[in-house]
Amino acid sequence: MSLAVVYCRAAVGIDAPLVTVEVHLANGLPSLNIVGLPEAAVKESKDRVRGALLTSHFEFPARRITINLAPADLPKEGGRFDLPIALGILAASGQLPKEALANCEFAGELALSGELRPIRGVLPMALQTRNAGRTLVVPQANGAEAALVENSTVLVATHLLQVCAHLADREKLPQASIDHSQAQPEQHDLVEVVGQHQARRALEIAAAGAHSMLMSGPPGTGKTMLASRLSGILPPMGEQEAIESAALASISDNGFDRSLWKVRPFRSPHHTASAVALVGGGSHPRPGEISLAHHGVLFLDELPEFDRKVLEVLREPLESGHITISRAARQAEFPARFQLVAAMNPCPCGYLGHPNGRCHCTSEQVARYRARISGPLLDRIDLHIDVPSLPRELLNSNLPVPESSATVRMRVIAAREVALSRQGKANSALGNREVDRLCKLGEAERRLLEQAIDRLGLSARAYHRLLRVARTIADLNQAKTISSAHLGEAIGYRRIDRTNY
């Protein structure tokens, strides 16, 4: 029977569903047809496969060839199916043993010379192949990425002939190995930040509880410098977090950079970015900036300069931690558990409240500028802080050396471990019922909170977020209960609110 079955995997969001490549040879006029909802790149694979087989000195069957990519209703895209199609034709025509294909999955794009070119989205494929108990065969350029999946068997090859020699039991393919020679990028250190003690403290609280933060201040006060140092004081990534983050980068247009393994992502899109660039999209849905910042930091500089409609798309993922992209032909869901850090000027010119009195903005201009950020979005930001200008004499004086990122990070890790041992997740991810149970207040603290709600006009959402911040401050102090001091500090980080706009 001239039928061969080869296993591969498609790319649907962050998932990699199994695709069975069935190759059938029949009598009739020579032809090659691919069925099973192939995209243009998959349809073109027949020409690449024919060229690769002929230049590799294999016989291309002069028969009626039908290739079925099952399931038929799953869209297939990219050049990843070239290698399994070529192996299926060789097995169906008796040039390769069919039984050797049963326990392997293959993926790779073929050059006309038979060389294997890298593909996108190997990491999700390696995860699913390991769970299925099969061996994955990929191009050598993808090997280091696929090898990141623990307890997986990944073989690499540079040419179609190498894969065929392995299947014919003539020469075994080498296993993929992790490249440890790539050094991780150097991270910025908090020791370089002069002054700004309140902002440094807020940054530490944000890192300890995975809270979102908005900084407001004149130009040049260090807002961007502070934000870029948040990644350096966050707790180290766990294995599962690193896999999820790397898998999202793997399916993006730029692919995954091996040197960024277990480095928390820091994404900083320009304020001209569109809503699709932030949340993801396209006819073939790709992750956007919020998903690429998964388990990391999304920094939005000059927040009011973003289009208001663009900012509003952040509201749902800030609450849910994921984003669902729906298109007419398909739907994809991407995780988006990121820390939002934003920076803005206090007015259009940026110098409102500056000691030199350089601001000439009217109150109406300031109100319009600040109104570009909606109240519902502000409600979802836990920490609102001012980053004032530093006096000139403070910059020129010999100040004590500030704490380094390593020192602050130790306190952050200790506080995060308290939260994880108590509820199994960061404080920012607590649900409302969990907040009521884990953030109980005494009588004095309750009265203080009621006064803050009345004076600041806080919503129910802001109320719960304030309690989460207070819980994080208590964890940093290794306190079991929330005191008035913890609550008062948390209230101090809600000054930029709707009543002030």
Foldseek 3Di string as FASTA:
>chain_A
DLKAWAWAWADAFLATDIKIKIKGWDADAFDEEEAQQEDPQVRVLVVLLVLQCVLVPHDQDRTHMYIYIPPSLDYHDDQFCNLVVSVRRCCSVPNFPRVLRPQEHETFHAGSNQFTDADFQLLNRLVVSVVVRGEYEHALVCQQVSPLDPPHWYFHDGGSVQVRCCRNVNDNTDTRDHDPPQAADDADKPLPQFDPVVLLVVLLLCQLQVAAEEEEAFPPLCQVVSQSRSQLQHDWDDSVQQSQLQSLQRNAPVHGDSSCRRRQDEAEDALADALCQAQFDDPRTHGHPLLNNRRHEYEYEAVLSHQLVSLVSVLVCLQVQKDWYDDPSDIHIGGRSHHYYYYHAQFPNRQVVPPVPPDPDDPVRSVVSVVSHPQSSLLSGQFYYYRYHDDPVSVVDDDPRDDISVVSSVLSVQLNVVVCVVPNHRLSNDDPVRLCVQADDDPVLVVVLVVLCVVQVHDPSNSSSLSSSLSSVCSSVVHRYRDNVSSVSSSVRSPPHDVVD
